[in-house]
C-alpha cells in the first residue's frame, strides 16, 4: 500500500530573526572634552549597530556621571528596564570600567542579564558575558579595573593634598573671582559689587531672605545662573575667601566609587592660608558679619532633630504646595510654610506661621484626647492642610476631613521679655515727658 505523505507548512515565521542590539556609553566628567567624547561614542555605536544587517538598532544609552554606580545613572537604569521587558538581546559597551567601576555591580548586573538571556559584549577585553568562561574573566578583569580606579583616585588625592600643604589655590568657581593663567585669583569687579552688597546689607540689619529677594527683584542671578536663596546668601557670608584668606580641604570625597563630597569635621587636616589673594571684603567687616552669624545661630539653634517632631511632613500649604517646617522664634516653636520662610510673603501670600501649641490644642480637640500623643496623632491623622490664614483642614486616615479655625495669640503672649522691657521703658519715657510739659 502506497503511503501518503503530506507536507505541513510551519504556522510561524522561521525566517532569520534579527538580534535586538543596544549600546551603553559613559563619561565621568562634565568637561567639554568629555562631553565631546560621549557624543563621539554615541555616533560610533549608532553607526556600528545600524551597519550590521543581522542587528536591529535599539538605541544608545549614554550617561554623563561622576560615578560608576547603577543608582547614579538614569540611562543605565533605563537600559536595564528595556532588557527586563525583553526588548534587547545584546548590549555592546567599550570596557568593564565604562559599564561599572564596582566588581559587585558588574557581576550582579551581568548575572541578571544572563538569566534574561541577554549578552553583554565588552570590546576592549573581547568578552561575551553569556559565554562559558565569561563570568570568570569578568570577575578577574573587573577586580583589576576597580583596583586601577582606586589607585588613580589615591594618586589624585595625594597630589591635591600636597598642594594644600603648600598653600596652593585649588580649582574654585565663585562669585567675585576668576582664576588667572598662572593659577592665582583676581577680582571680577562687577561680581565683587554683588558680594559687597550682600555683606553690607546683612551688617546693616537686613536678613538673608530680604537680601535674596532684593537680588532676585533686581534681576541678578547666582554664579550658576539661578535665583538666590537664603542658603546662597549664607554661604557667601561665611566664605573666608572674600576676606582674602583660604581654608583648604573643607570637604573631601568619600571614596573612589561614590565620589560623594563629605564635610571635613576633623577626619583630615585643614590648611588656613592668610592673604592668599586680594580681598573683596575688609577684615573688620568680615569679622563683624561672622560675629552676627554666630549670635543668630546661638539664638535660634535647637538640640532637637527634625525627625523628633511629630508634625514633620504632615502640614501642607495649599497655596504653594510646600510643606510647613519647624522653626524656633523668639516667641517659641512655630510651623511655617517653606516658601514663605525662604522667599517671603510675596511668593506665598496666604501663608502664616502657626504656633506649635495651637496645633497641639487643635489636634487634641479633634482626636478627643486630653494630652497630645505622637503615636495617636501618627496613626489617625493623614495630613493637615492650610487653605488660608487661621484655617486648617484635618484629613484623618479613615477618610474623614474636618475643617477648623484657630485664633492668634494675644499680644501679651507673643511678646518676649525684651519687648516687654522695651515697652515699659517707652511708657516710662512718655510719662516723664508728659510731666515735663
Protein backbone atom coordinates (compact mmCIF):
# COMPACT_ATOMS: atom_id res chain seq x y z
CA UNK A 1 0.00 0.00 0.00
CA UNK A 2 1.43 3.34 -1.03
CA UNK A 3 1.88 5.76 1.87
CA UNK A 4 0.51 9.25 1.55
CA UNK A 5 2.95 11.89 2.79
CA UNK A 6 1.63 15.40 3.26
CA UNK A 7 3.87 18.40 3.89
CA UNK A 8 2.63 20.66 6.70
CA UNK A 9 3.89 24.22 6.36
CA UNK A 10 5.04 25.91 9.58
CA UNK A 11 2.47 28.22 11.16
CA UNK A 12 5.14 30.59 12.44
CA UNK A 13 7.73 32.59 10.54
CA UNK A 14 11.04 30.69 10.70
CA UNK A 15 12.94 33.29 8.71
CA UNK A 16 16.09 34.59 10.29
CA UNK A 17 15.29 36.75 13.31
CA UNK A 18 17.24 39.97 13.73
CA UNK A 19 19.04 40.45 17.02
CA UNK A 20 17.97 43.50 19.06
CA UNK A 21 21.19 45.36 19.88
CA UNK A 22 21.83 48.41 22.07
CA UNK A 23 25.00 50.11 23.30
CA UNK A 24 25.98 51.71 26.59
CA UNK A 25 28.43 54.63 26.95
CA UNK A 26 29.50 56.72 29.92
CA UNK A 27 31.89 59.57 30.70
CA UNK A 28 32.87 60.55 34.23
CA UNK A 29 33.18 64.32 33.92
CA UNK A 30 31.19 67.33 32.78
CA UNK A 31 34.12 68.94 30.96
CA UNK A 32 33.62 69.93 27.33
CA UNK A 33 36.23 67.44 26.12
CA UNK A 34 34.49 64.61 27.93
CA UNK A 35 31.08 65.62 26.60
CA UNK A 36 32.54 65.60 23.10
CA UNK A 37 33.86 62.10 23.84
CA UNK A 38 30.37 61.00 24.87
CA UNK A 39 28.88 62.44 21.68
CA UNK A 40 31.54 60.63 19.63
CA UNK A 41 30.76 57.32 21.36
CA UNK A 42 27.04 57.70 20.66
CA UNK A 43 27.76 58.36 16.97
CA UNK A 44 30.18 55.45 16.75
CA UNK A 45 27.80 52.89 18.27
CA UNK A 46 24.82 54.11 16.24
CA UNK A 47 26.76 53.59 13.02
CA UNK A 48 28.26 50.25 14.17
CA UNK A 49 24.93 48.67 15.03
CA UNK A 50 22.96 50.02 12.07
CA UNK A 51 25.62 48.90 9.60
CA UNK A 52 25.21 45.23 10.61
CA UNK A 53 22.35 43.58 8.64
CA UNK A 54 21.99 40.94 11.38
CA UNK A 55 21.16 43.54 14.04
CA UNK A 56 18.19 45.73 14.82
CA UNK A 57 19.21 49.10 16.33
CA UNK A 58 17.65 49.62 19.79
CA UNK A 59 19.42 52.83 20.75
CA UNK A 60 22.49 54.05 22.57
CA UNK A 61 22.13 54.66 26.29
CA UNK A 62 24.63 57.28 27.42
CA UNK A 63 25.27 58.73 30.88
CA UNK A 64 27.26 61.75 31.93
CA UNK A 65 28.02 60.77 35.51
CA UNK A 66 30.73 61.16 38.11
CA UNK A 67 30.48 57.58 39.34
CA UNK A 68 30.02 54.08 38.03
CA UNK A 69 27.26 53.10 40.46
CA UNK A 70 23.96 51.94 38.98
CA UNK A 71 21.84 54.32 41.04
CA UNK A 72 23.55 57.47 39.76
CA UNK A 73 23.00 56.64 36.09
CA UNK A 74 19.46 57.20 34.72
CA UNK A 75 20.28 55.92 31.22
CA UNK A 76 21.79 52.73 32.65
CA UNK A 77 18.58 52.15 34.63
CA UNK A 78 16.50 52.85 31.53
CA UNK A 79 18.54 50.28 29.57
CA UNK A 80 18.01 47.64 32.27
CA UNK A 81 14.27 48.35 32.23
CA UNK A 82 14.20 47.75 28.45
CA UNK A 83 16.11 44.48 28.99
CA UNK A 84 13.57 43.30 31.56
CA UNK A 85 10.80 43.99 29.04
CA UNK A 86 12.57 41.67 26.56
CA UNK A 87 13.36 44.44 24.06
CA UNK A 88 17.16 43.93 23.99
CA UNK A 89 19.20 40.80 23.16
CA UNK A 90 22.75 42.20 23.11
CA UNK A 91 24.48 45.17 24.76
CA UNK A 92 27.77 46.49 23.43
CA UNK A 93 29.99 48.60 25.69
CA UNK A 94 33.55 49.85 25.45
CA UNK A 95 35.02 48.30 28.60
CA UNK A 96 34.31 46.92 32.05
CA UNK A 97 35.24 50.24 33.71
CA UNK A 98 32.72 52.09 31.48
CA UNK A 99 30.00 49.59 32.38
CA UNK A 100 30.68 49.87 36.13
CA UNK A 101 33.62 50.61 38.42
CA UNK A 102 32.46 48.21 41.12
CA UNK A 103 33.13 44.46 40.71
CA UNK A 104 29.92 43.58 42.55
CA UNK A 105 27.86 45.89 40.32
CA UNK A 106 29.37 44.35 37.16
CA UNK A 107 28.75 40.76 38.24
CA UNK A 108 25.26 41.38 39.67
CA UNK A 109 24.11 43.16 36.50
CA UNK A 110 25.70 40.64 34.12
CA UNK A 111 24.16 37.72 36.05
CA UNK A 112 20.70 39.31 35.95
CA UNK A 113 21.02 39.91 32.20
CA UNK A 114 22.33 36.38 31.67
CA UNK A 115 19.21 35.00 33.41
CA UNK A 116 17.17 37.03 30.91
CA UNK A 117 19.21 35.57 28.03
CA UNK A 118 20.92 38.88 27.28
CA UNK A 119 24.58 39.05 26.29
CA UNK A 120 26.95 41.93 27.15
CA UNK A 121 29.96 42.37 24.89
CA UNK A 122 32.98 44.27 26.31
CA UNK A 123 35.02 45.46 23.34
CA UNK A 124 38.38 46.21 24.99
CA UNK A 125 38.50 42.88 26.79
CA UNK A 126 36.80 40.98 23.92
CA UNK A 127 34.49 39.18 26.35
CA UNK A 128 30.91 37.96 25.85
CA UNK A 129 29.27 37.68 29.26
CA UNK A 130 26.98 34.88 28.13
CA UNK A 131 29.92 32.62 27.16
CA UNK A 132 31.06 29.73 29.39
CA UNK A 133 34.18 31.44 30.71
CA UNK A 134 32.71 34.96 30.54
CA UNK A 135 31.90 35.34 34.25
CA UNK A 136 35.31 34.12 35.43
CA UNK A 137 37.10 36.54 33.12
CA UNK A 138 34.77 39.37 34.12
CA UNK A 139 35.39 38.71 37.80
CA UNK A 140 39.15 38.88 37.33
CA UNK A 141 39.19 41.89 34.99
CA UNK A 142 36.57 43.93 36.84
CA UNK A 143 38.54 43.45 40.08
CA UNK A 144 41.60 44.73 38.24
CA UNK A 145 39.59 47.71 36.88
CA UNK A 146 38.35 48.53 40.37
CA UNK A 147 41.87 48.47 41.81
CA UNK A 148 43.12 50.59 38.91
CA UNK A 149 40.38 53.13 39.62
CA UNK A 150 41.29 53.12 43.33
CA UNK A 151 44.98 53.64 42.53
CA UNK A 152 44.24 56.56 40.20
CA UNK A 153 41.96 58.11 42.83
CA UNK A 154 44.59 57.80 45.55
CA UNK A 155 47.24 59.38 43.32
CA UNK A 156 44.93 62.29 42.61
CA UNK A 157 44.19 62.72 46.33
CA UNK A 158 47.90 62.68 47.14
CA UNK A 159 48.59 65.43 44.58
CA UNK A 160 45.72 67.62 45.82
CA UNK A 161 46.73 67.23 49.48
CA UNK A 162 50.33 68.09 48.67
CA UNK A 163 49.05 71.27 47.04
CA UNK A 164 47.03 72.01 50.19
CA UNK A 165 50.12 71.55 52.38
CA UNK A 166 51.94 74.11 50.23
CA UNK A 167 49.01 76.53 50.40
CA UNK A 168 48.33 76.34 46.68
CA UNK A 169 44.98 77.61 45.43
CA UNK A 170 42.73 74.81 44.28
CA UNK A 171 40.32 74.91 41.37
CA UNK A 172 37.44 77.08 42.52
CA UNK A 173 34.48 78.78 40.89
CA UNK A 174 32.93 81.52 42.96
CA UNK A 175 31.22 84.87 42.60
CA UNK A 176 33.67 87.78 42.58
CA UNK A 177 36.81 85.96 41.45
CA UNK A 178 38.30 84.27 38.42
CA UNK A 179 41.41 82.13 38.16
CA UNK A 180 44.22 83.53 36.02
CA UNK A 181 46.50 81.53 33.73
CA UNK A 182 49.23 81.42 36.42
CA UNK A 183 46.81 79.91 38.95
CA UNK A 184 46.20 82.99 41.12
CA UNK A 185 42.85 84.66 41.83
CA UNK A 186 41.88 88.08 40.60
CA UNK A 187 38.79 90.14 41.40
CA UNK A 188 35.94 90.46 38.90
CA UNK A 189 34.72 93.92 39.87
CA UNK A 190 31.17 93.58 38.50
CA UNK A 191 30.65 90.45 40.61
CA UNK A 192 32.53 91.86 43.61
CA UNK A 193 29.93 94.63 43.84
CA UNK A 194 27.25 91.97 44.44
CA UNK A 195 29.34 90.41 47.20
CA UNK A 196 29.81 93.81 48.90
CA UNK A 197 26.07 94.46 48.56
CA UNK A 198 25.33 91.21 50.42
CA UNK A 199 27.79 91.82 53.27
CA UNK A 200 26.84 95.45 53.84
CA UNK A 201 23.10 94.75 53.70
CA UNK A 202 23.40 91.95 56.23
CA UNK A 203 25.52 94.06 58.55
CA UNK A 204 23.03 96.93 58.35
CA UNK A 205 20.27 94.67 59.68
CA UNK A 206 18.67 93.10 56.60
CA UNK A 207 18.01 89.38 56.83
CA UNK A 208 19.17 86.74 54.36
CA UNK A 209 15.64 86.34 53.00
CA UNK A 210 15.28 90.07 52.33
CA UNK A 211 18.70 90.22 50.64
CA UNK A 212 17.95 87.22 48.38
CA UNK A 213 14.59 88.72 47.39
CA UNK A 214 16.23 92.07 46.61
CA UNK A 215 18.79 90.42 44.32
CA UNK A 216 16.08 88.41 42.54
CA UNK A 217 13.94 91.53 42.03
CA UNK A 218 16.99 93.33 40.61
CA UNK A 219 17.37 90.50 38.07
CA UNK A 220 20.78 89.45 39.41
CA UNK A 221 21.45 85.70 39.18
CA UNK A 222 23.83 83.50 41.17
CA UNK A 223 27.14 82.30 39.72
CA UNK A 224 25.21 79.27 38.38
CA UNK A 225 22.52 81.44 36.76
CA UNK A 226 19.84 80.55 39.33
CA UNK A 227 17.63 82.61 41.62
CA UNK A 228 19.05 83.50 45.01
CA UNK A 229 18.03 81.64 48.16
CA UNK A 230 18.85 82.22 51.82
CA UNK A 231 21.29 79.30 51.63
CA UNK A 232 23.22 81.06 48.84
CA UNK A 233 23.46 84.23 50.93
CA UNK A 234 24.60 82.26 53.97
CA UNK A 235 27.37 80.52 52.02
CA UNK A 236 28.73 83.84 50.76
CA UNK A 237 28.61 85.45 54.20
CA UNK A 238 30.58 82.53 55.68
CA UNK A 239 33.18 82.27 52.90
CA UNK A 240 36.60 83.32 54.25
CA UNK A 241 37.92 83.75 50.70
CA UNK A 242 36.13 87.10 50.43
CA UNK A 243 38.42 88.40 53.20
CA UNK A 244 41.50 87.34 51.20
CA UNK A 245 42.16 84.10 53.10
CA UNK A 246 41.71 80.44 52.28
CA UNK A 247 40.73 77.44 54.36
CA UNK A 248 41.73 74.40 52.32
CA UNK A 249 40.29 70.87 52.49
CA UNK A 250 36.94 71.87 53.97
CA UNK A 251 35.45 68.89 52.16
CA UNK A 252 36.74 65.61 50.73
CA UNK A 253 35.46 62.71 48.62
CA UNK A 254 34.08 59.70 50.48
CA UNK A 255 35.77 57.13 48.20
CA UNK A 256 36.64 56.45 44.56
CA UNK A 257 33.36 54.65 43.90
CA UNK A 258 30.66 57.01 45.19
CA UNK A 259 32.82 60.16 44.99
CA UNK A 260 30.34 61.79 47.37
CA UNK A 261 31.65 65.00 48.94
CA UNK A 262 31.76 64.96 52.76
CA UNK A 263 32.32 67.89 55.10
CA UNK A 264 35.66 67.68 56.87
CA UNK A 265 34.79 67.74 60.57
CA UNK A 266 38.25 66.67 61.71
CA UNK A 267 38.72 63.49 59.70
CA UNK A 268 41.55 65.17 57.73
CA UNK A 269 43.79 68.18 58.43
CA UNK A 270 42.77 71.63 57.16
CA UNK A 271 45.15 74.35 55.99
CA UNK A 272 44.49 78.05 56.56
CA UNK A 273 46.34 80.37 54.17
CA UNK A 274 46.36 84.06 55.13
CA UNK A 275 46.40 86.78 52.47
CA UNK A 276 46.42 84.20 49.70
CA UNK A 277 44.70 86.56 47.23
CA UNK A 278 43.16 90.08 47.02
CA UNK A 279 40.26 90.64 49.45
CA UNK A 280 36.84 91.89 48.38
CA UNK A 281 35.63 92.45 51.97
CA UNK A 282 37.64 94.25 54.65
CA UNK A 283 38.64 92.08 57.61
CA UNK A 284 36.74 94.24 60.11
CA UNK A 285 33.50 93.89 58.12
CA UNK A 286 34.00 90.15 57.59
CA UNK A 287 34.66 89.58 61.32
CA UNK A 288 31.59 91.63 62.28
CA UNK A 289 29.44 89.52 59.95
CA UNK A 290 30.82 86.27 61.44
CA UNK A 291 30.02 87.50 64.93
CA UNK A 292 26.46 88.34 63.91
CA UNK A 293 26.00 84.97 62.20
CA UNK A 294 27.19 83.18 65.35
CA UNK A 295 24.83 85.23 67.53
CA UNK A 296 21.91 84.33 65.26
CA UNK A 297 22.91 80.67 65.33
CA UNK A 298 23.13 80.60 69.13
CA UNK A 299 19.80 82.37 69.44
CA UNK A 300 17.79 80.11 67.18
CA UNK A 301 19.66 76.79 67.31
CA UNK A 302 17.95 73.78 68.84
CA UNK A 303 19.22 70.49 70.17
CA UNK A 304 16.20 68.70 68.72
CA UNK A 305 16.46 66.85 65.45
CA UNK A 306 13.90 67.34 62.70
CA UNK A 307 12.87 63.69 62.93
CA UNK A 308 11.70 64.17 66.53
CA UNK A 309 8.83 66.48 65.53
CA UNK A 310 5.51 64.66 65.04
CA UNK A 311 4.24 67.37 62.63
CA UNK A 312 7.17 66.95 60.20
CA UNK A 313 5.82 66.21 56.70
CA UNK A 314 2.21 66.39 57.91
CA UNK A 315 1.34 70.08 57.32
CA UNK A 316 0.92 71.29 53.74
CA UNK A 317 0.28 74.76 52.33
CA UNK A 318 -2.44 74.61 49.65
CA UNK A 319 -1.28 77.93 48.16
CA UNK A 320 2.19 76.80 47.01
CA UNK A 321 2.07 73.05 47.73
CA UNK A 322 5.10 73.11 50.06
CA UNK A 323 5.20 71.51 53.49
CA UNK A 324 5.39 73.52 56.68
CA UNK A 325 8.68 73.36 58.56
CA UNK A 326 9.58 73.75 62.20
CA UNK A 327 11.16 76.99 63.34
CA UNK A 328 12.26 78.36 66.70
CA UNK A 329 11.47 82.05 67.12
CA UNK A 330 11.83 84.48 69.98
CA UNK A 331 8.22 83.70 70.97
CA UNK A 332 8.62 79.91 70.86
CA UNK A 333 8.15 76.96 68.48
CA UNK A 334 6.18 77.66 65.32
CA UNK A 335 5.44 75.93 61.99
CA UNK A 336 5.80 77.94 58.82
CA UNK A 337 5.36 77.35 55.06
CA UNK A 338 8.72 76.53 53.45
CA UNK A 339 8.13 79.00 50.61
CA UNK A 340 7.07 81.78 52.98
CA UNK A 341 10.07 81.07 55.21
CA UNK A 342 12.70 81.05 52.46
CA UNK A 343 11.26 83.55 49.97
CA UNK A 344 8.81 85.73 51.88
CA UNK A 345 5.11 86.65 51.85
CA UNK A 346 5.26 87.89 48.24
CA UNK A 347 5.75 84.32 46.99
CA UNK A 348 3.12 82.73 49.25
CA UNK A 349 0.68 85.44 50.38
CA UNK A 350 -1.81 83.20 52.22
CA UNK A 351 0.80 81.52 54.43
CA UNK A 352 1.08 82.35 58.11
CA UNK A 353 3.18 80.85 60.88
CA UNK A 354 1.25 78.64 63.29
CA UNK A 355 2.33 78.27 66.94
CA UNK A 356 3.08 74.63 67.77
CA UNK A 357 0.97 74.96 70.92
CA UNK A 358 -2.01 75.90 68.70
CA UNK A 359 -1.52 72.81 66.52
CA UNK A 360 -1.33 70.60 69.61
CA UNK A 361 -4.54 72.11 71.05
CA UNK A 362 -6.42 71.70 67.75
CA UNK A 363 -5.30 68.07 67.36
CA UNK A 364 -6.22 67.20 70.94
CA UNK A 365 -9.68 68.61 70.36
CA UNK A 366 -10.17 66.83 67.02
CA UNK A 367 -8.88 63.48 68.32
CA UNK A 368 -10.70 63.81 71.67
CA UNK A 369 -7.58 63.28 73.78
CA UNK A 370 -6.64 65.11 76.98
CA UNK A 371 -2.90 65.26 76.20
CA UNK A 372 -1.12 65.20 72.85
CA UNK A 373 0.18 61.72 71.98
CA UNK A 374 2.53 61.46 68.99
CA UNK A 375 1.60 57.82 68.32
CA UNK A 376 -2.15 58.52 68.29
CA UNK A 377 -1.56 61.52 66.04
CA UNK A 378 0.57 59.48 63.60
CA UNK A 379 -1.93 56.61 63.46
CA UNK A 380 -5.04 58.77 62.96
CA UNK A 381 -4.00 61.94 61.08
CA UNK A 382 -3.08 61.69 57.39
CA UNK A 383 -2.49 65.36 56.61
CA UNK A 384 -3.11 68.89 57.85
CA UNK A 385 -3.91 71.30 55.01
CA UNK A 386 -3.62 75.07 55.38
CA UNK A 387 -6.00 76.69 52.83
CA UNK A 388 -5.99 80.21 54.29
CA UNK A 389 -4.74 82.17 57.32
CA UNK A 390 -6.15 80.79 60.59
CA UNK A 391 -7.87 77.89 58.82
CA UNK A 392 -6.98 74.19 58.89
CA UNK A 393 -8.34 71.06 57.21
CA UNK A 394 -7.52 67.92 59.21
CA UNK A 395 -7.52 64.83 56.96
CA UNK A 396 -7.92 61.66 59.02
CA UNK A 397 -6.77 58.23 57.87
CA UNK A 398 -10.36 56.96 57.99
CA UNK A 399 -11.17 59.33 55.11
CA UNK A 400 -12.91 61.98 57.20
CA UNK A 401 -11.98 65.68 56.74
CA UNK A 402 -12.53 68.23 59.50
CA UNK A 403 -12.48 71.99 58.87
CA UNK A 404 -11.43 74.12 61.81
CA UNK A 405 -10.08 77.55 62.66
CA UNK A 406 -7.59 78.86 65.19
CA UNK A 407 -7.09 82.20 66.91
CA UNK A 408 -3.93 84.27 67.00
CA UNK A 409 -2.18 84.53 70.33
CA UNK A 410 -2.87 87.65 72.33
CA UNK A 411 -0.33 90.43 72.10
CA UNK A 412 0.88 89.74 75.63
CA UNK A 413 1.50 86.04 74.83
CA UNK A 414 3.53 86.83 71.72
CA UNK A 415 5.79 89.36 73.42
CA UNK A 416 9.28 88.39 74.52
CA UNK A 417 10.90 89.66 77.73
CA UNK A 418 12.98 92.08 75.62
CA UNK A 419 9.82 93.50 74.04
CA UNK A 420 8.15 93.87 77.42
CA UNK A 421 11.18 95.68 78.82
CA UNK A 422 11.35 97.97 75.79
CA UNK A 423 7.62 98.74 76.02
CA UNK A 424 7.88 99.50 79.75
CA UNK A 425 10.84 101.80 79.13
CA UNK A 426 8.97 103.58 76.33
CA UNK A 427 5.90 104.02 78.51
CA UNK A 428 8.01 105.41 81.34
CA UNK A 429 9.67 107.88 78.94
CA UNK A 430 6.28 109.07 77.65
CA UNK A 431 5.03 109.65 81.22
CA UNK A 432 8.19 111.59 82.08
CA UNK A 433 7.80 113.81 79.01
CA UNK A 434 4.16 114.42 79.85
CA UNK A 435 5.11 115.54 83.37
CA UNK A 436 7.76 117.90 81.96
CA UNK A 437 5.07 119.65 79.92
